[in-house]
Amino acid sequence: MVFFQVTIELMRVRRQSDADFVSILSSLRRGECSKRQEEVLRATADNRIESEGILATRLCTHTEDANVVNREELAALPGESRVFPSVDSHPALSSHLDQHTPVDAKLVLKVGAQVMLMKNLNVHRGLVNGARGRVVRFEKGGGGGVMPVVRFACGREEEMKAEKWPVRGQVRKGKDSEWWRLTLLKFLSLPGWSNPVEEATSTEAGLGLLYPQVPRHDAGLR
């Protein structure tokens, strides 16, 4: 079997149609922001974008800052917390799975918690990666366990289910293996109130790849 390495550069933006918004996003990815772009962004500060009781997501520069906001918001909610731990194929490699999967090893929720989808669930129904919602109740699922039901900003309610997150790696030289994390919530994470602009790759600095979650939606500059 012969493998070829091919580099493909994507030139056309398809997620957004607002030319000004596309230009601003491109500049931010390069670490640039002109005076005019700053003025355009500041002019959107008073826009009302809340819907279905879901608050605008606050972007933070560091992962831990976002975690602090989310923990404080969750603690402020009334009611009992429910803990949903993940199941890892190799528990000894849990720290490795923490670094290579976008979901936490443990998810703590309450009714009213604001959450975000981490994978596409149903694109045509608006249940896409980055879609935000609120936990409206907990119900006994088909597998017998209690699962959260989430109402999303698009107005749809969805019962969450388990999802597998595979990671490929080498257990020893020349031998590939697949590890996985099974989260007991389908596609859910808890950056709903606050989200880091960087994806943390260093536990010391909490800094990493600049990739805002906002551009996943065709929101424009509304």
C-alpha atoms as a PDB file:
ATOM      1  CA  MET A   1       0.000   0.000   0.000  1.00  0.00           C
ATOM      2  CA  VAL A   2       1.363   3.402  -1.044  1.00  0.00           C
ATOM      3  CA  PHE A   3       0.578   6.606   0.870  1.00  0.00           C
ATOM      4  CA  PHE A   4       0.950  10.104  -0.525  1.00  0.00           C
ATOM      5  CA  GLN A   5       1.234  13.292   1.522  1.00  0.00           C
ATOM      6  CA  VAL A   6      -0.931  16.035   0.024  1.00  0.00           C
ATOM      7  CA  THR A   7      -1.292  19.568   1.335  1.00  0.00           C
ATOM      8  CA  ILE A   8      -4.625  21.271   0.683  1.00  0.00           C
ATOM      9  CA  GLU A   9      -5.190  24.959   1.405  1.00  0.00           C
ATOM     10  CA  LEU A  10      -8.816  25.991   1.895  1.00  0.00           C
ATOM     11  CA  MET A  11      -9.298  29.453   0.384  1.00  0.00           C
ATOM     12  CA  ARG A  12     -13.035  30.050   0.634  1.00  0.00           C
ATOM     13  CA  VAL A  13     -14.889  30.744   3.888  1.00  0.00           C
ATOM     14  CA  ARG A  14     -18.204  28.896   3.988  1.00  0.00           C
ATOM     15  CA  ARG A  15     -19.335  29.224   7.604  1.00  0.00           C
ATOM     16  CA  GLN A  16     -19.873  33.003   7.429  1.00  0.00           C
ATOM     17  CA  SER A  17     -21.328  35.210   4.706  1.00  0.00           C
ATOM     18  CA  ASP A  18     -20.718  38.614   6.344  1.00  0.00           C
ATOM     19  CA  ALA A  19     -17.614  39.949   4.564  1.00  0.00           C
ATOM     20  CA  ASP A  20     -16.709  42.372   7.386  1.00  0.00           C
ATOM     21  CA  PHE A  21     -17.019  39.605   9.964  1.00  0.00           C
ATOM     22  CA  VAL A  22     -14.842  37.270   7.877  1.00  0.00           C
ATOM     23  CA  SER A  23     -12.198  39.981   7.542  1.00  0.00           C
ATOM     24  CA  ILE A  24     -12.163  40.634  11.295  1.00  0.00           C
ATOM     25  CA  LEU A  25     -11.897  36.923  12.115  1.00  0.00           C
ATOM     26  CA  SER A  26      -8.991  36.527   9.693  1.00  0.00           C
ATOM     27  CA  SER A  27      -7.178  39.450  11.303  1.00  0.00           C
ATOM     28  CA  LEU A  28      -7.740  38.117  14.823  1.00  0.00           C
ATOM     29  CA  ARG A  29      -6.333  34.733  13.841  1.00  0.00           C
ATOM     30  CA  ARG A  30      -3.141  36.560  12.796  1.00  0.00           C
ATOM     31  CA  GLY A  31      -3.099  38.466  16.101  1.00  0.00           C
ATOM     32  CA  GLU A  32      -4.067  41.746  14.411  1.00  0.00           C
ATOM     33  CA  CYS A  33      -6.915  44.210  14.933  1.00  0.00           C
ATOM     34  CA  SER A  34      -7.090  47.572  13.172  1.00  0.00           C
ATOM     35  CA  LYS A  35      -8.639  50.668  14.719  1.00  0.00           C
ATOM     36  CA  ARG A  36     -11.656  50.377  12.411  1.00  0.00           C
ATOM     37  CA  GLN A  37     -12.139  46.700  13.286  1.00  0.00           C
ATOM     38  CA  GLU A  38     -11.932  47.551  16.984  1.00  0.00           C
ATOM     39  CA  GLU A  39     -14.631  50.206  16.528  1.00  0.00           C
ATOM     40  CA  VAL A  40     -16.884  47.748  14.671  1.00  0.00           C
ATOM     41  CA  LEU A  41     -16.499  45.179  17.450  1.00  0.00           C
ATOM     42  CA  ARG A  42     -17.095  47.713  20.230  1.00  0.00           C
ATOM     43  CA  ALA A  43     -20.286  48.853  18.493  1.00  0.00           C
ATOM     44  CA  THR A  44     -21.744  45.367  19.023  1.00  0.00           C
ATOM     45  CA  ALA A  45     -21.259  45.472  22.830  1.00  0.00           C
ATOM     46  CA  ASP A  46     -24.893  46.368  23.529  1.00  0.00           C
ATOM     47  CA  ASN A  47     -26.414  43.868  21.102  1.00  0.00           C
ATOM     48  CA  ARG A  48     -29.005  41.560  22.645  1.00  0.00           C
ATOM     49  CA  ILE A  49     -28.190  38.010  21.592  1.00  0.00           C
ATOM     50  CA  GLU A  50     -29.760  36.050  24.454  1.00  0.00           C
ATOM     51  CA  SER A  51     -32.519  33.603  23.553  1.00  0.00           C
ATOM     52  CA  GLU A  52     -34.403  30.848  25.397  1.00  0.00           C
ATOM     53  CA  GLY A  53     -32.850  32.168  28.620  1.00  0.00           C
ATOM     54  CA  ILE A  54     -29.359  31.352  27.338  1.00  0.00           C
ATOM     55  CA  LEU A  55     -26.800  34.047  28.121  1.00  0.00           C
ATOM     56  CA  ALA A  56     -24.085  35.191  25.759  1.00  0.00           C
ATOM     57  CA  THR A  57     -20.893  33.168  26.182  1.00  0.00           C
ATOM     58  CA  ARG A  58     -18.030  35.114  27.709  1.00  0.00           C
ATOM     59  CA  LEU A  59     -14.670  34.492  26.027  1.00  0.00           C
ATOM     60  CA  CYS A  60     -11.605  34.338  28.280  1.00  0.00           C
ATOM     61  CA  THR A  61      -7.936  34.445  27.347  1.00  0.00           C
ATOM     62  CA  HIS A  62      -7.035  31.499  29.598  1.00  0.00           C
ATOM     63  CA  THR A  63      -8.697  28.145  30.116  1.00  0.00           C
ATOM     64  CA  GLU A  64      -8.574  28.347  33.909  1.00  0.00           C
ATOM     65  CA  ASP A  65     -10.298  31.770  33.854  1.00  0.00           C
ATOM     66  CA  ALA A  66     -13.187  30.196  31.934  1.00  0.00           C
ATOM     67  CA  ASN A  67     -13.272  27.263  34.355  1.00  0.00           C
ATOM     68  CA  VAL A  68     -13.547  29.629  37.322  1.00  0.00           C
ATOM     69  CA  VAL A  69     -16.491  31.474  35.772  1.00  0.00           C
ATOM     70  CA  ASN A  70     -18.268  28.209  34.962  1.00  0.00           C
ATOM     71  CA  ARG A  71     -17.750  26.811  38.471  1.00  0.00           C
ATOM     72  CA  GLU A  72     -19.062  30.011  40.068  1.00  0.00           C
ATOM     73  CA  GLU A  73     -22.135  30.122  37.830  1.00  0.00           C
ATOM     74  CA  LEU A  74     -22.893  26.465  38.521  1.00  0.00           C
ATOM     75  CA  ALA A  75     -22.505  26.936  42.286  1.00  0.00           C
ATOM     76  CA  ALA A  76     -24.933  29.874  42.192  1.00  0.00           C
ATOM     77  CA  LEU A  77     -27.723  27.701  40.790  1.00  0.00           C
ATOM     78  CA  PRO A  78     -30.208  26.190  43.273  1.00  0.00           C
ATOM     79  CA  GLY A  79     -30.788  22.473  43.501  1.00  0.00           C
ATOM     80  CA  GLU A  80     -28.693  19.328  43.693  1.00  0.00           C
ATOM     81  CA  SER A  81     -25.669  18.682  41.510  1.00  0.00           C
ATOM     82  CA  ARG A  82     -25.417  15.514  39.437  1.00  0.00           C
ATOM     83  CA  VAL A  83     -22.015  14.112  38.559  1.00  0.00           C
ATOM     84  CA  PHE A  84     -21.461  12.259  35.264  1.00  0.00           C
ATOM     85  CA  PRO A  85     -18.011  10.573  35.172  1.00  0.00           C
ATOM     86  CA  SER A  86     -16.458   9.320  31.972  1.00  0.00           C
ATOM     87  CA  VAL A  87     -15.384   5.711  31.371  1.00  0.00           C
ATOM     88  CA  ASP A  88     -11.854   5.413  29.939  1.00  0.00           C
ATOM     89  CA  SER A  89     -10.636   2.356  28.025  1.00  0.00           C
ATOM     90  CA  HIS A  90      -7.254   2.647  29.765  1.00  0.00           C
ATOM     91  CA  PRO A  91      -7.637   4.320  33.192  1.00  0.00           C
ATOM     92  CA  ALA A  92      -3.854   4.568  33.495  1.00  0.00           C
ATOM     93  CA  LEU A  93      -3.910   6.850  30.439  1.00  0.00           C
ATOM     94  CA  SER A  94      -6.665   9.158  31.690  1.00  0.00           C
ATOM     95  CA  SER A  95      -4.305  12.142  31.818  1.00  0.00           C
ATOM     96  CA  HIS A  96      -3.408  11.479  28.170  1.00  0.00           C
ATOM     97  CA  LEU A  97      -7.109  11.369  27.252  1.00  0.00           C
ATOM     98  CA  ASP A  98      -7.620  14.630  29.155  1.00  0.00           C
ATOM     99  CA  GLN A  99      -5.133  16.285  26.803  1.00  0.00           C
ATOM    100  CA  HIS A 100      -6.379  14.715  23.572  1.00  0.00           C
ATOM    101  CA  THR A 101     -10.166  14.809  23.912  1.00  0.00           C
ATOM    102  CA  PRO A 102     -12.332  17.946  24.150  1.00  0.00           C
ATOM    103  CA  VAL A 103     -14.422  16.554  27.030  1.00  0.00           C
ATOM    104  CA  ASP A 104     -13.618  16.398  30.734  1.00  0.00           C
ATOM    105  CA  ALA A 105     -13.291  13.213  32.749  1.00  0.00           C
ATOM    106  CA  LYS A 106     -16.103  14.420  34.987  1.00  0.00           C
ATOM    107  CA  LEU A 107     -19.099  16.620  34.231  1.00  0.00           C
ATOM    108  CA  VAL A 108     -21.109  18.257  37.012  1.00  0.00           C
ATOM    109  CA  LEU A 109     -24.575  19.593  36.122  1.00  0.00           C
ATOM    110  CA  LYS A 110     -27.672  21.107  37.680  1.00  0.00           C
ATOM    111  CA  VAL A 111     -31.038  22.041  36.247  1.00  0.00           C
ATOM    112  CA  GLY A 112     -30.451  25.465  34.682  1.00  0.00           C
ATOM    113  CA  ALA A 113     -26.794  24.809  33.827  1.00  0.00           C
ATOM    114  CA  GLN A 114     -25.759  26.353  30.523  1.00  0.00           C
ATOM    115  CA  VAL A 115     -23.982  23.876  28.247  1.00  0.00           C
ATOM    116  CA  MET A 116     -22.515  23.614  24.755  1.00  0.00           C
ATOM    117  CA  LEU A 117     -22.490  20.837  22.165  1.00  0.00           C
ATOM    118  CA  MET A 118     -19.017  19.542  21.359  1.00  0.00           C
ATOM    119  CA  LYS A 119     -19.986  17.609  18.193  1.00  0.00           C
ATOM    120  CA  ASN A 120     -22.556  17.896  15.444  1.00  0.00           C
ATOM    121  CA  LEU A 121     -25.724  16.115  16.541  1.00  0.00           C
ATOM    122  CA  ASN A 122     -28.182  17.090  13.804  1.00  0.00           C
ATOM    123  CA  VAL A 123     -27.096  19.898  11.482  1.00  0.00           C
ATOM    124  CA  HIS A 124     -30.515  20.385   9.866  1.00  0.00           C
ATOM    125  CA  ARG A 125     -32.132  20.849  13.273  1.00  0.00           C
ATOM    126  CA  GLY A 126     -29.506  23.357  14.401  1.00  0.00           C
ATOM    127  CA  LEU A 127     -27.858  20.940  16.851  1.00  0.00           C
ATOM    128  CA  VAL A 128     -24.283  21.593  15.781  1.00  0.00           C
ATOM    129  CA  ASN A 129     -20.859  21.836  17.369  1.00  0.00           C
ATOM    130  CA  GLY A 130     -20.938  25.006  19.467  1.00  0.00           C
ATOM    131  CA  ALA A 131     -24.742  25.138  19.884  1.00  0.00           C
ATOM    132  CA  ARG A 132     -25.675  26.297  23.384  1.00  0.00           C
ATOM    133  CA  GLY A 133     -28.521  25.269  25.635  1.00  0.00           C
ATOM    134  CA  ARG A 134     -29.729  24.831  29.213  1.00  0.00           C
ATOM    135  CA  VAL A 135     -30.405  21.685  31.216  1.00  0.00           C
ATOM    136  CA  VAL A 136     -34.171  21.730  31.832  1.00  0.00           C
ATOM    137  CA  ARG A 137     -34.551  18.426  33.699  1.00  0.00           C
ATOM    138  CA  PHE A 138     -33.085  14.983  34.340  1.00  0.00           C
ATOM    139  CA  GLU A 139     -34.883  11.881  33.093  1.00  0.00           C
ATOM    140  CA  LYS A 140     -34.297   8.150  33.151  1.00  0.00           C
ATOM    141  CA  GLY A 141     -32.811   7.259  29.782  1.00  0.00           C
ATOM    142  CA  GLY A 142     -33.179   4.177  27.624  1.00  0.00           C
ATOM    143  CA  GLY A 143     -30.089   2.597  29.186  1.00  0.00           C
ATOM    144  CA  GLY A 144     -31.560   2.884  32.666  1.00  0.00           C
ATOM    145  CA  GLY A 145     -29.386   5.766  33.857  1.00  0.00           C
ATOM    146  CA  VAL A 146     -30.516   9.299  34.561  1.00  0.00           C
ATOM    147  CA  MET A 147     -29.663  11.669  31.717  1.00  0.00           C
ATOM    148  CA  PRO A 148     -30.075  15.429  31.286  1.00  0.00           C
ATOM    149  CA  VAL A 149     -32.551  16.909  28.845  1.00  0.00           C
ATOM    150  CA  VAL A 150     -31.289  20.112  27.224  1.00  0.00           C
ATOM    151  CA  ARG A 151     -33.311  22.878  25.588  1.00  0.00           C
ATOM    152  CA  PHE A 152     -31.181  24.583  22.946  1.00  0.00           C
ATOM    153  CA  ALA A 153     -31.273  28.142  21.651  1.00  0.00           C
ATOM    154  CA  CYS A 154     -32.924  26.837  18.475  1.00  0.00           C
ATOM    155  CA  GLY A 155     -35.903  25.864  20.661  1.00  0.00           C
ATOM    156  CA  ARG A 156     -35.426  22.090  20.486  1.00  0.00           C
ATOM    157  CA  GLU A 157     -35.156  19.753  23.449  1.00  0.00           C
ATOM    158  CA  GLU A 158     -32.814  16.780  23.321  1.00  0.00           C
ATOM    159  CA  GLU A 159     -32.045  13.963  25.751  1.00  0.00           C
ATOM    160  CA  MET A 160     -28.301  13.448  25.974  1.00  0.00           C
ATOM    161  CA  LYS A 161     -26.740  10.006  25.517  1.00  0.00           C
ATOM    162  CA  ALA A 162     -23.297   8.425  25.738  1.00  0.00           C
ATOM    163  CA  GLU A 163     -20.631   9.169  23.126  1.00  0.00           C
ATOM    164  CA  LYS A 164     -17.246   7.613  22.413  1.00  0.00           C
ATOM    165  CA  TRP A 165     -14.188   9.815  21.788  1.00  0.00           C
ATOM    166  CA  PRO A 166     -11.390   7.725  20.180  1.00  0.00           C
ATOM    167  CA  VAL A 167      -7.692   8.641  20.329  1.00  0.00           C
ATOM    168  CA  ARG A 168      -5.043   6.780  18.369  1.00  0.00           C
ATOM    169  CA  GLY A 169      -1.562   6.297  19.781  1.00  0.00           C
ATOM    170  CA  GLN A 170       1.361   3.923  20.168  1.00  0.00           C
ATOM    171  CA  VAL A 171       1.649   1.583  23.112  1.00  0.00           C
ATOM    172  CA  ARG A 172       5.138   0.626  21.964  1.00  0.00           C
ATOM    173  CA  LYS A 173       7.313   1.336  18.960  1.00  0.00           C
ATOM    174  CA  GLY A 174       5.725   0.159  15.741  1.00  0.00           C
ATOM    175  CA  LYS A 175       2.407  -0.903  17.292  1.00  0.00           C
ATOM    176  CA  ASP A 176      -0.617   1.383  16.989  1.00  0.00           C
ATOM    177  CA  SER A 177      -3.512   1.186  19.384  1.00  0.00           C
ATOM    178  CA  GLU A 178      -6.788   3.009  19.928  1.00  0.00           C
ATOM    179  CA  TRP A 179      -7.760   4.413  23.294  1.00  0.00           C
ATOM    180  CA  TRP A 180     -11.120   5.950  23.966  1.00  0.00           C
ATOM    181  CA  ARG A 181     -13.164   7.929  26.451  1.00  0.00           C
ATOM    182  CA  LEU A 182     -16.858   7.219  26.855  1.00  0.00           C
ATOM    183  CA  THR A 183     -18.678  10.232  28.192  1.00  0.00           C
ATOM    184  CA  LEU A 184     -22.071   9.545  29.722  1.00  0.00           C
ATOM    185  CA  LEU A 185     -23.462  12.622  28.018  1.00  0.00           C
ATOM    186  CA  LYS A 186     -23.746  12.849  24.286  1.00  0.00           C
ATOM    187  CA  PHE A 187     -21.685  15.755  22.927  1.00  0.00           C
ATOM    188  CA  LEU A 188     -21.944  17.857  26.097  1.00  0.00           C
ATOM    189  CA  SER A 189     -19.373  20.007  27.796  1.00  0.00           C
ATOM    190  CA  LEU A 190     -19.758  22.854  30.262  1.00  0.00           C
ATOM    191  CA  PRO A 191     -18.273  26.006  28.754  1.00  0.00           C
ATOM    192  CA  GLY A 192     -21.748  27.449  28.369  1.00  0.00           C
ATOM    193  CA  TRP A 193     -21.230  30.573  30.465  1.00  0.00           C
ATOM    194  CA  SER A 194     -17.584  31.130  29.600  1.00  0.00           C
ATOM    195  CA  ASN A 195     -15.189  29.718  27.025  1.00  0.00           C
ATOM    196  CA  PRO A 196     -11.414  30.074  26.570  1.00  0.00           C
ATOM    197  CA  VAL A 197     -10.229  31.733  23.375  1.00  0.00           C
ATOM    198  CA  GLU A 198      -7.137  29.527  23.494  1.00  0.00           C
ATOM    199  CA  GLU A 199      -7.286  25.761  23.683  1.00  0.00           C
ATOM    200  CA  ALA A 200      -4.929  25.096  26.594  1.00  0.00           C
ATOM    201  CA  THR A 201      -1.908  22.952  25.743  1.00  0.00           C
ATOM    202  CA  SER A 202       0.306  23.947  28.660  1.00  0.00           C
ATOM    203  CA  THR A 203      -0.735  23.460  32.285  1.00  0.00           C
ATOM    204  CA  GLU A 204       1.698  26.182  33.305  1.00  0.00           C
ATOM    205  CA  ALA A 205       0.509  29.016  31.075  1.00  0.00           C
ATOM    206  CA  GLY A 206      -2.883  27.738  29.956  1.00  0.00           C
ATOM    207  CA  LEU A 207      -2.101  29.005  26.469  1.00  0.00           C
ATOM    208  CA  GLY A 208      -2.378  27.330  23.106  1.00  0.00           C
ATOM    209  CA  LEU A 209      -3.936  27.540  19.676  1.00  0.00           C
ATOM    210  CA  LEU A 210      -5.937  30.700  19.051  1.00  0.00           C
ATOM    211  CA  TYR A 211      -9.297  29.390  17.868  1.00  0.00           C
ATOM    212  CA  PRO A 212     -12.447  31.184  19.036  1.00  0.00           C
ATOM    213  CA  GLN A 213     -15.616  29.095  19.246  1.00  0.00           C
ATOM    214  CA  VAL A 214     -17.752  31.952  17.923  1.00  0.00           C
ATOM    215  CA  PRO A 215     -16.767  31.542  14.221  1.00  0.00           C
ATOM    216  CA  ARG A 216     -18.446  28.123  14.174  1.00  0.00           C
ATOM    217  CA  HIS A 217     -21.760  29.949  13.760  1.00  0.00           C
ATOM    218  CA  ASP A 218     -22.930  32.145  10.920  1.00  0.00           C
ATOM    219  CA  ALA A 219     -23.704  34.916  13.389  1.00  0.00           C
ATOM    220  CA  GLY A 220     -22.114  37.819  11.545  1.00  0.00           C
ATOM    221  CA  LEU A 221     -21.815  41.060  13.527  1.00  0.00           C
ATOM    222  CA  ARG A 222     -25.339  41.029  14.948  1.00  0.00           C
END
